[in-house]
Amino acid sequence: MKKSLLLFYILATCNCISQTTTVTEKTTNQIKKDKMQYFNIELYKDWETDPAWSQTEDEKFLKKDNERLSLSYYDDKIQVERSSILNTYKKTAVYDKKTSLMRIFLTQFYQFSIGITKTYDETGLLINEVNNDKPYLFTLPQLIEKIKNENGADLEDRTQKSIVSRHVDQEIGKPIYEVYLRSKEYPDAKWEYFLIDGITGETLFITSYPTRSAKPKVPIYEYLKVLKQKKAEDNAYYKSYKGKHYTKKEWEIFEEEWHRKDEEQKNGRNFFWDNIFNK
């Protein structure tokens, strides 16, 4: 079931219009010169069976040093997932079972797609590309570096058992990263949560909660509550000045404008006296 859901997810991802590039005829002609990708079971003949998984006729699990491989056979497709026990990257290729030609290729970091997802037609020619990184001006390498510098955690290290996800959030109105780190004090009992702006890299929200709870907390909902409360405060009556009523947000704008004009006047006076003394 897990593999079937992943295959469905891969196919759905490739239909994401906002990030999809249809390969032009010119590009396709260039691709024709490249070697087409085929599934070849002989590539894994020196891999051994992974005893950590149950083997079936339709699913095989192999290992070689720190690398792991899963082979899933469907009615018309073969899915190959290659990962490592050390890092959090995974590469997935889907092949046509009849022709052995590659139909889809993607790379994942934790459970989300990164880089370019490529789709090929039944003849093995590239026909579609999805740029999974496009909305995230604050890039994944920058996120990894930020967490490493600020929190001392390596998101690429699978042994640290962190969790990372990202998506374009409609309610927040921007792309975001969600990072869950094991607490340094209580690694088995508490999560440290960080919500990070996918455009600026700003940390928007930090909280912590137990790893096991009868009523698990959804951190992003907590942040949305904070936003809702702030919006209500910003739009509520705050104070009056010279007969005009201001909300908190309006008052902040008024104060900012007042200070700006005050600075301009000060600069103007300084400029005037500078001219007097320079004559």
C-alpha atoms as a PDB file:
ATOM      1  CA  MET A   1       0.000   0.000   0.000  1.00  0.00           C
ATOM      2  CA  LYS A   2       2.813   2.395   0.881  1.00  0.00           C
ATOM      3  CA  LYS A   3       4.521   1.875  -2.463  1.00  0.00           C
ATOM      4  CA  SER A   4       1.255   2.258  -4.369  1.00  0.00           C
ATOM      5  CA  LEU A   5       0.551   5.547  -2.639  1.00  0.00           C
ATOM      6  CA  LEU A   6       4.032   6.790  -3.461  1.00  0.00           C
ATOM      7  CA  LEU A   7       3.602   5.917  -7.131  1.00  0.00           C
ATOM      8  CA  PHE A   8       0.286   7.790  -7.155  1.00  0.00           C
ATOM      9  CA  TYR A   9       1.990  10.759  -5.493  1.00  0.00           C
ATOM     10  CA  ILE A  10       4.757  10.787  -8.095  1.00  0.00           C
ATOM     11  CA  LEU A  11       2.267  10.784 -10.957  1.00  0.00           C
ATOM     12  CA  ALA A  12       0.209  13.529  -9.304  1.00  0.00           C
ATOM     13  CA  THR A  13       3.302  15.648  -8.707  1.00  0.00           C
ATOM     14  CA  CYS A  14       4.111  15.621 -12.388  1.00  0.00           C
ATOM     15  CA  ASN A  15       0.744  17.246 -13.108  1.00  0.00           C
ATOM     16  CA  CYS A  16       1.553  20.314 -10.988  1.00  0.00           C
ATOM     17  CA  ILE A  17       0.919  23.068 -13.568  1.00  0.00           C
ATOM     18  CA  SER A  18       2.425  25.996 -11.664  1.00  0.00           C
ATOM     19  CA  GLN A  19       5.882  24.442 -11.611  1.00  0.00           C
ATOM     20  CA  THR A  20       5.732  22.396 -14.800  1.00  0.00           C
ATOM     21  CA  THR A  21       7.727  23.018 -17.956  1.00  0.00           C
ATOM     22  CA  THR A  22       6.662  21.271 -21.139  1.00  0.00           C
ATOM     23  CA  VAL A  23       9.713  20.252 -23.114  1.00  0.00           C
ATOM     24  CA  THR A  24       9.813  21.985 -26.504  1.00  0.00           C
ATOM     25  CA  GLU A  25      10.384  20.248 -29.826  1.00  0.00           C
ATOM     26  CA  LYS A  26      13.884  21.736 -30.001  1.00  0.00           C
ATOM     27  CA  THR A  27      14.752  20.358 -26.580  1.00  0.00           C
ATOM     28  CA  THR A  28      13.217  17.000 -27.461  1.00  0.00           C
ATOM     29  CA  ASN A  29      15.416  16.779 -30.545  1.00  0.00           C
ATOM     30  CA  GLN A  30      18.442  17.380 -28.327  1.00  0.00           C
ATOM     31  CA  ILE A  31      17.300  14.662 -25.929  1.00  0.00           C
ATOM     32  CA  LYS A  32      17.126  12.180 -28.808  1.00  0.00           C
ATOM     33  CA  LYS A  33      20.904  12.313 -28.959  1.00  0.00           C
ATOM     34  CA  ASP A  34      21.191  11.250 -25.318  1.00  0.00           C
ATOM     35  CA  LYS A  35      21.238   7.669 -24.151  1.00  0.00           C
ATOM     36  CA  MET A  36      17.811   6.544 -22.971  1.00  0.00           C
ATOM     37  CA  GLN A  37      17.497   5.138 -19.453  1.00  0.00           C
ATOM     38  CA  TYR A  38      16.491   1.487 -19.068  1.00  0.00           C
ATOM     39  CA  PHE A  39      15.755  -0.705 -16.082  1.00  0.00           C
ATOM     40  CA  ASN A  40      18.448  -3.358 -15.752  1.00  0.00           C
ATOM     41  CA  ILE A  41      18.265  -5.848 -12.901  1.00  0.00           C
ATOM     42  CA  GLU A  42      21.864  -6.885 -13.621  1.00  0.00           C
ATOM     43  CA  LEU A  43      23.038  -3.597 -12.093  1.00  0.00           C
ATOM     44  CA  TYR A  44      22.102  -4.992  -8.691  1.00  0.00           C
ATOM     45  CA  LYS A  45      23.468  -8.510  -8.977  1.00  0.00           C
ATOM     46  CA  ASP A  46      26.181  -7.753  -6.399  1.00  0.00           C
ATOM     47  CA  TRP A  47      23.636  -6.411  -3.890  1.00  0.00           C
ATOM     48  CA  GLU A  48      22.465  -8.702  -1.101  1.00  0.00           C
ATOM     49  CA  THR A  49      18.988  -9.253   0.307  1.00  0.00           C
ATOM     50  CA  ASP A  50      18.111  -6.864   3.125  1.00  0.00           C
ATOM     51  CA  PRO A  51      16.923  -8.992   6.089  1.00  0.00           C
ATOM     52  CA  ALA A  52      15.277  -5.965   7.711  1.00  0.00           C
ATOM     53  CA  TRP A  53      12.368  -6.313   5.277  1.00  0.00           C
ATOM     54  CA  SER A  54      10.069  -9.145   4.271  1.00  0.00           C
ATOM     55  CA  GLN A  55      10.563 -10.134   0.642  1.00  0.00           C
ATOM     56  CA  THR A  56       7.655 -10.893  -1.694  1.00  0.00           C
ATOM     57  CA  GLU A  57       7.357 -11.682  -5.371  1.00  0.00           C
ATOM     58  CA  ASP A  58       6.328  -8.081  -6.079  1.00  0.00           C
ATOM     59  CA  GLU A  59       8.653  -6.331  -3.638  1.00  0.00           C
ATOM     60  CA  LYS A  60      12.370  -6.887  -3.185  1.00  0.00           C
ATOM     61  CA  PHE A  61      14.660  -5.120  -0.712  1.00  0.00           C
ATOM     62  CA  LEU A  62      18.415  -5.080  -1.242  1.00  0.00           C
ATOM     63  CA  LYS A  63      21.434  -3.530   0.448  1.00  0.00           C
ATOM     64  CA  LYS A  64      25.036  -2.722  -0.349  1.00  0.00           C
ATOM     65  CA  ASP A  65      27.239  -1.080   2.279  1.00  0.00           C
ATOM     66  CA  ASN A  66      25.230   1.955   3.493  1.00  0.00           C
ATOM     67  CA  GLU A  67      22.909   2.028   0.490  1.00  0.00           C
ATOM     68  CA  ARG A  68      19.435   0.538   0.358  1.00  0.00           C
ATOM     69  CA  LEU A  69      17.273  -0.389  -2.619  1.00  0.00           C
ATOM     70  CA  SER A  70      13.629  -1.339  -2.985  1.00  0.00           C
ATOM     71  CA  LEU A  71      12.176  -2.852  -6.160  1.00  0.00           C
ATOM     72  CA  SER A  72       8.397  -2.761  -6.577  1.00  0.00           C
ATOM     73  CA  TYR A  73       6.703  -4.545  -9.471  1.00  0.00           C
ATOM     74  CA  TYR A  74       3.253  -3.383 -10.615  1.00  0.00           C
ATOM     75  CA  ASP A  75       1.046  -4.485 -13.513  1.00  0.00           C
ATOM     76  CA  ASP A  76       2.693  -2.127 -15.994  1.00  0.00           C
ATOM     77  CA  LYS A  77       5.442  -0.350 -14.021  1.00  0.00           C
ATOM     78  CA  ILE A  78       8.617  -1.089 -12.079  1.00  0.00           C
ATOM     79  CA  GLN A  79       9.558   1.326  -9.301  1.00  0.00           C
ATOM     80  CA  VAL A  80      13.119   1.572  -7.971  1.00  0.00           C
ATOM     81  CA  GLU A  81      13.904   3.541  -4.807  1.00  0.00           C
ATOM     82  CA  ARG A  82      17.509   4.105  -3.799  1.00  0.00           C
ATOM     83  CA  SER A  83      18.391   5.557  -0.398  1.00  0.00           C
ATOM     84  CA  SER A  84      20.993   5.475   2.363  1.00  0.00           C
ATOM     85  CA  ILE A  85      20.962   4.665   6.056  1.00  0.00           C
ATOM     86  CA  LEU A  86      23.224   7.690   6.613  1.00  0.00           C
ATOM     87  CA  ASN A  87      21.545  10.572   4.774  1.00  0.00           C
ATOM     88  CA  THR A  88      17.991  11.741   4.119  1.00  0.00           C
ATOM     89  CA  TYR A  89      17.974  11.748   0.310  1.00  0.00           C
ATOM     90  CA  LYS A  90      16.135   9.253  -1.878  1.00  0.00           C
ATOM     91  CA  LYS A  91      16.051   8.782  -5.648  1.00  0.00           C
ATOM     92  CA  THR A  92      13.067   7.144  -7.311  1.00  0.00           C
ATOM     93  CA  ALA A  93      12.792   5.917 -10.886  1.00  0.00           C
ATOM     94  CA  VAL A  94       9.674   4.457 -12.486  1.00  0.00           C
ATOM     95  CA  TYR A  95      10.098   2.252 -15.567  1.00  0.00           C
ATOM     96  CA  ASP A  96       7.711   0.850 -18.135  1.00  0.00           C
ATOM     97  CA  LYS A  97       7.458  -2.852 -17.354  1.00  0.00           C
ATOM     98  CA  LYS A  98       7.039  -3.846 -20.999  1.00  0.00           C
ATOM     99  CA  THR A  99       9.838  -1.783 -22.577  1.00  0.00           C
ATOM    100  CA  SER A 100      12.013  -1.195 -19.454  1.00  0.00           C
ATOM    101  CA  LEU A 101      12.265   2.496 -20.448  1.00  0.00           C
ATOM    102  CA  MET A 102      12.333   5.105 -17.693  1.00  0.00           C
ATOM    103  CA  ARG A 103       9.076   7.075 -17.411  1.00  0.00           C
ATOM    104  CA  ILE A 104       9.618   9.171 -14.252  1.00  0.00           C
ATOM    105  CA  PHE A 105      12.636  10.226 -12.202  1.00  0.00           C
ATOM    106  CA  LEU A 106      12.688  12.310  -9.025  1.00  0.00           C
ATOM    107  CA  THR A 107      14.786  13.039  -5.950  1.00  0.00           C
ATOM    108  CA  GLN A 108      13.379  13.438  -2.447  1.00  0.00           C
ATOM    109  CA  PHE A 109      14.650  14.969   0.766  1.00  0.00           C
ATOM    110  CA  TYR A 110      12.811  13.293   3.626  1.00  0.00           C
ATOM    111  CA  GLN A 111       9.340  12.880   2.075  1.00  0.00           C
ATOM    112  CA  PHE A 112       9.181  15.859  -0.308  1.00  0.00           C
ATOM    113  CA  SER A 113      10.433  16.185  -3.875  1.00  0.00           C
ATOM    114  CA  ILE A 114      13.400  18.428  -4.652  1.00  0.00           C
ATOM    115  CA  GLY A 115      15.217  19.458  -7.801  1.00  0.00           C
ATOM    116  CA  ILE A 116      13.687  18.582 -11.159  1.00  0.00           C
ATOM    117  CA  THR A 117      11.137  15.793 -11.552  1.00  0.00           C
ATOM    118  CA  LYS A 118      11.361  14.432 -15.089  1.00  0.00           C
ATOM    119  CA  THR A 119       8.681  12.633 -17.085  1.00  0.00           C
ATOM    120  CA  TYR A 120       9.381  10.623 -20.247  1.00  0.00           C
ATOM    121  CA  ASP A 121       7.016   9.366 -22.935  1.00  0.00           C
ATOM    122  CA  GLU A 122       6.580   5.742 -24.003  1.00  0.00           C
ATOM    123  CA  THR A 123       9.565   6.044 -26.362  1.00  0.00           C
ATOM    124  CA  GLY A 124      11.854   7.279 -23.581  1.00  0.00           C
ATOM    125  CA  LEU A 125      11.978  10.947 -24.622  1.00  0.00           C
ATOM    126  CA  LEU A 126      11.800  13.714 -22.024  1.00  0.00           C
ATOM    127  CA  ILE A 127       8.421  15.471 -22.278  1.00  0.00           C
ATOM    128  CA  ASN A 128       7.903  17.235 -18.956  1.00  0.00           C
ATOM    129  CA  GLU A 129       9.881  18.798 -16.113  1.00  0.00           C
ATOM    130  CA  VAL A 130       8.674  19.971 -12.704  1.00  0.00           C
ATOM    131  CA  ASN A 131      10.864  22.391 -10.767  1.00  0.00           C
ATOM    132  CA  ASN A 132      10.039  21.452  -7.179  1.00  0.00           C
ATOM    133  CA  ASP A 133      12.327  24.174  -5.778  1.00  0.00           C
ATOM    134  CA  LYS A 134      10.835  27.108  -7.694  1.00  0.00           C
ATOM    135  CA  PRO A 135       8.687  28.662  -4.903  1.00  0.00           C
ATOM    136  CA  TYR A 136      11.498  28.443  -2.337  1.00  0.00           C
ATOM    137  CA  LEU A 137      13.763  31.482  -2.746  1.00  0.00           C
ATOM    138  CA  PHE A 138      15.280  30.450   0.579  1.00  0.00           C
ATOM    139  CA  THR A 139      16.811  27.264  -0.746  1.00  0.00           C
ATOM    140  CA  LEU A 140      17.138  23.856   0.848  1.00  0.00           C
ATOM    141  CA  PRO A 141      20.963  24.167   1.193  1.00  0.00           C
ATOM    142  CA  GLN A 142      20.397  27.491   2.974  1.00  0.00           C
ATOM    143  CA  LEU A 143      17.887  25.842   5.310  1.00  0.00           C
ATOM    144  CA  ILE A 144      20.336  23.042   6.105  1.00  0.00           C
ATOM    145  CA  GLU A 145      23.062  25.594   6.858  1.00  0.00           C
ATOM    146  CA  LYS A 146      20.723  27.745   8.978  1.00  0.00           C
ATOM    147  CA  ILE A 147      19.645  24.834  11.181  1.00  0.00           C
ATOM    148  CA  LYS A 148      23.238  23.651  11.501  1.00  0.00           C
ATOM    149  CA  ASN A 149      24.488  27.093  12.572  1.00  0.00           C
ATOM    150  CA  GLU A 150      21.591  28.081  14.826  1.00  0.00           C
ATOM    151  CA  ASN A 151      20.576  24.747  16.323  1.00  0.00           C
ATOM    152  CA  GLY A 152      23.576  22.464  15.910  1.00  0.00           C
ATOM    153  CA  ALA A 153      21.570  19.854  14.001  1.00  0.00           C
ATOM    154  CA  ASP A 154      22.409  18.268  10.648  1.00  0.00           C
ATOM    155  CA  LEU A 155      19.241  17.749   8.615  1.00  0.00           C
ATOM    156  CA  GLU A 156      21.138  15.526   6.173  1.00  0.00           C
ATOM    157  CA  ASP A 157      22.081  13.079   8.933  1.00  0.00           C
ATOM    158  CA  ARG A 158      19.427  10.367   9.148  1.00  0.00           C
ATOM    159  CA  THR A 159      20.768   9.157  12.493  1.00  0.00           C
ATOM    160  CA  GLN A 160      19.635  12.403  14.171  1.00  0.00           C
ATOM    161  CA  LYS A 161      15.999  11.414  13.479  1.00  0.00           C
ATOM    162  CA  SER A 162      14.816  14.893  12.529  1.00  0.00           C
ATOM    163  CA  ILE A 163      11.749  15.606  10.403  1.00  0.00           C
ATOM    164  CA  VAL A 164      11.511  18.198   7.628  1.00  0.00           C
ATOM    165  CA  SER A 165       8.603  19.110   5.382  1.00  0.00           C
ATOM    166  CA  ARG A 166       7.746  22.003   3.107  1.00  0.00           C
ATOM    167  CA  HIS A 167       4.783  23.297   1.127  1.00  0.00           C
ATOM    168  CA  VAL A 168       3.187  26.477  -0.143  1.00  0.00           C
ATOM    169  CA  ASP A 169       0.700  27.295   2.606  1.00  0.00           C
ATOM    170  CA  GLN A 170      -2.493  28.956   1.403  1.00  0.00           C
ATOM    171  CA  GLU A 171      -3.471  30.368   4.799  1.00  0.00           C
ATOM    172  CA  ILE A 172      -0.057  31.845   5.528  1.00  0.00           C
ATOM    173  CA  GLY A 173       0.235  32.917   1.903  1.00  0.00           C
ATOM    174  CA  LYS A 174       3.807  31.817   1.275  1.00  0.00           C
ATOM    175  CA  PRO A 175       6.056  28.753   0.994  1.00  0.00           C
ATOM    176  CA  ILE A 176       7.232  27.417   4.343  1.00  0.00           C
ATOM    177  CA  TYR A 177       9.546  24.836   5.857  1.00  0.00           C
ATOM    178  CA  GLU A 178       8.613  22.897   8.990  1.00  0.00           C
ATOM    179  CA  VAL A 179      11.522  21.448  10.957  1.00  0.00           C
ATOM    180  CA  TYR A 180      11.229  19.057  13.900  1.00  0.00           C
ATOM    181  CA  LEU A 181      14.369  18.429  15.945  1.00  0.00           C
ATOM    182  CA  ARG A 182      14.889  16.061  18.829  1.00  0.00           C
ATOM    183  CA  SER A 183      15.257  18.025  22.055  1.00  0.00           C
ATOM    184  CA  LYS A 184      18.853  18.096  23.285  1.00  0.00           C
ATOM    185  CA  GLU A 185      17.658  17.694  26.878  1.00  0.00           C
ATOM    186  CA  TYR A 186      15.013  15.031  26.268  1.00  0.00           C
ATOM    187  CA  PRO A 187      15.627  13.563  22.783  1.00  0.00           C
ATOM    188  CA  ASP A 188      13.170  10.708  23.242  1.00  0.00           C
ATOM    189  CA  ALA A 189      10.479  12.757  24.951  1.00  0.00           C
ATOM    190  CA  LYS A 190      10.268  16.168  23.279  1.00  0.00           C
ATOM    191  CA  TRP A 191      10.244  17.757  19.817  1.00  0.00           C
ATOM    192  CA  GLU A 192      11.568  21.232  19.060  1.00  0.00           C
ATOM    193  CA  TYR A 193       9.561  22.771  16.210  1.00  0.00           C
ATOM    194  CA  PHE A 194      10.635  25.555  13.838  1.00  0.00           C
ATOM    195  CA  LEU A 195       8.459  27.205  11.196  1.00  0.00           C
ATOM    196  CA  ILE A 196      10.621  28.964   8.607  1.00  0.00           C
ATOM    197  CA  ASP A 197       9.704  31.371   5.815  1.00  0.00           C
ATOM    198  CA  GLY A 198      10.483  29.721   2.473  1.00  0.00           C
ATOM    199  CA  ILE A 199      11.218  33.084   0.848  1.00  0.00           C
ATOM    200  CA  THR A 200      13.235  35.057   3.416  1.00  0.00           C
ATOM    201  CA  GLY A 201      14.530  32.310   5.707  1.00  0.00           C
ATOM    202  CA  GLU A 202      13.081  34.093   8.735  1.00  0.00           C
ATOM    203  CA  THR A 203      12.069  31.884  11.652  1.00  0.00           C
ATOM    204  CA  LEU A 204       8.367  32.633  12.038  1.00  0.00           C
ATOM    205  CA  PHE A 205       7.489  30.442  14.991  1.00  0.00           C
ATOM    206  CA  ILE A 206       9.176  28.196  17.555  1.00  0.00           C
ATOM    207  CA  THR A 207       7.543  25.807  19.987  1.00  0.00           C
ATOM    208  CA  SER A 208       8.092  22.441  21.653  1.00  0.00           C
ATOM    209  CA  TYR A 209       5.843  19.562  22.591  1.00  0.00           C
ATOM    210  CA  PRO A 210       6.090  15.958  23.834  1.00  0.00           C
ATOM    211  CA  THR A 211       6.759  13.211  21.309  1.00  0.00           C
ATOM    212  CA  ARG A 212       3.951  11.172  22.839  1.00  0.00           C
ATOM    213  CA  SER A 213       0.658  12.772  23.777  1.00  0.00           C
ATOM    214  CA  ALA A 214      -2.984  11.734  24.062  1.00  0.00           C
ATOM    215  CA  LYS A 215      -3.851  14.912  22.155  1.00  0.00           C
ATOM    216  CA  PRO A 216      -0.975  15.576  19.730  1.00  0.00           C
ATOM    217  CA  LYS A 217      -0.387  19.252  18.995  1.00  0.00           C
ATOM    218  CA  VAL A 218      -0.192  20.496  15.409  1.00  0.00           C
ATOM    219  CA  PRO A 219       2.362  23.330  15.649  1.00  0.00           C
ATOM    220  CA  ILE A 220       1.358  25.134  12.472  1.00  0.00           C
ATOM    221  CA  TYR A 221      -2.192  25.470  13.828  1.00  0.00           C
ATOM    222  CA  GLU A 222      -0.722  27.162  16.892  1.00  0.00           C
ATOM    223  CA  TYR A 223       1.028  29.644  14.620  1.00  0.00           C
ATOM    224  CA  LEU A 224      -2.183  30.298  12.679  1.00  0.00           C
ATOM    225  CA  LYS A 225      -3.919  31.061  15.991  1.00  0.00           C
ATOM    226  CA  VAL A 226      -1.179  33.586  16.780  1.00  0.00           C
ATOM    227  CA  LEU A 227      -1.638  35.192  13.349  1.00  0.00           C
ATOM    228  CA  LYS A 228      -5.399  35.349  13.813  1.00  0.00           C
ATOM    229  CA  GLN A 229      -5.025  36.923  17.249  1.00  0.00           C
ATOM    230  CA  LYS A 230      -2.519  39.481  15.951  1.00  0.00           C
ATOM    231  CA  LYS A 231      -4.818  40.363  13.058  1.00  0.00           C
ATOM    232  CA  ALA A 232      -7.694  40.903  15.492  1.00  0.00           C
ATOM    233  CA  GLU A 233      -5.493  43.128  17.671  1.00  0.00           C
ATOM    234  CA  ASP A 234      -4.236  45.085  14.662  1.00  0.00           C
ATOM    235  CA  ASN A 235      -7.793  45.816  13.538  1.00  0.00           C
ATOM    236  CA  ALA A 236      -9.224  46.614  16.981  1.00  0.00           C
ATOM    237  CA  TYR A 237      -9.534  50.149  18.406  1.00  0.00           C
ATOM    238  CA  TYR A 238      -6.198  51.228  19.869  1.00  0.00           C
ATOM    239  CA  LYS A 239      -6.252  54.973  20.616  1.00  0.00           C
ATOM    240  CA  SER A 240      -7.482  58.373  19.483  1.00  0.00           C
ATOM    241  CA  TYR A 241      -5.409  61.345  18.402  1.00  0.00           C
ATOM    242  CA  LYS A 242      -6.741  64.778  17.475  1.00  0.00           C
ATOM    243  CA  GLY A 243     -10.260  63.430  17.192  1.00  0.00           C
ATOM    244  CA  LYS A 244      -9.368  60.481  14.978  1.00  0.00           C
ATOM    245  CA  HIS A 245      -9.643  56.851  16.080  1.00  0.00           C
ATOM    246  CA  TYR A 246      -6.817  54.454  15.188  1.00  0.00           C
ATOM    247  CA  THR A 247      -6.458  50.702  15.179  1.00  0.00           C
ATOM    248  CA  LYS A 248      -3.121  49.356  16.393  1.00  0.00           C
ATOM    249  CA  LYS A 249      -1.984  48.751  12.824  1.00  0.00           C
ATOM    250  CA  GLU A 250      -3.067  52.221  11.710  1.00  0.00           C
ATOM    251  CA  TRP A 251      -1.323  53.792  14.690  1.00  0.00           C
ATOM    252  CA  GLU A 252       1.933  51.978  13.891  1.00  0.00           C
ATOM    253  CA  ILE A 253       1.749  53.286  10.311  1.00  0.00           C
ATOM    254  CA  PHE A 254       0.957  56.794  11.583  1.00  0.00           C
ATOM    255  CA  GLU A 255       3.893  56.720  14.024  1.00  0.00           C
ATOM    256  CA  GLU A 256       6.259  55.467  11.341  1.00  0.00           C
ATOM    257  CA  GLU A 257       5.154  58.224   8.966  1.00  0.00           C
ATOM    258  CA  TRP A 258       5.437  60.855  11.701  1.00  0.00           C
ATOM    259  CA  HIS A 259       8.987  59.779  12.573  1.00  0.00           C
ATOM    260  CA  ARG A 260       9.930  59.763   8.895  1.00  0.00           C
ATOM    261  CA  LYS A 261       8.700  63.327   8.408  1.00  0.00           C
ATOM    262  CA  ASP A 262      10.424  64.405  11.619  1.00  0.00           C
ATOM    263  CA  GLU A 263      13.727  62.958  10.369  1.00  0.00           C
ATOM    264  CA  GLU A 264      13.283  64.698   7.022  1.00  0.00           C
ATOM    265  CA  GLN A 265      12.736  68.019   8.777  1.00  0.00           C
ATOM    266  CA  LYS A 266      15.817  67.486  10.935  1.00  0.00           C
ATOM    267  CA  ASN A 267      17.899  66.625   7.905  1.00  0.00           C
ATOM    268  CA  GLY A 268      16.566  69.712   6.164  1.00  0.00           C
ATOM    269  CA  ARG A 269      17.608  71.968   9.064  1.00  0.00           C
ATOM    270  CA  ASN A 270      21.053  70.392   9.187  1.00  0.00           C
ATOM    271  CA  PHE A 271      21.422  70.869   5.458  1.00  0.00           C
ATOM    272  CA  PHE A 272      20.431  74.550   5.827  1.00  0.00           C
ATOM    273  CA  TRP A 273      22.947  75.303   8.597  1.00  0.00           C
ATOM    274  CA  ASP A 274      25.668  73.347   6.798  1.00  0.00           C
ATOM    275  CA  ASN A 275      25.202  75.615   3.802  1.00  0.00           C
ATOM    276  CA  ILE A 276      25.401  78.737   5.998  1.00  0.00           C
ATOM    277  CA  PHE A 277      28.684  77.722   7.638  1.00  0.00           C
ATOM    278  CA  ASN A 278      30.216  76.497   4.397  1.00  0.00           C
ATOM    279  CA  LYS A 279      29.812  79.889   2.704  1.00  0.00           C
END
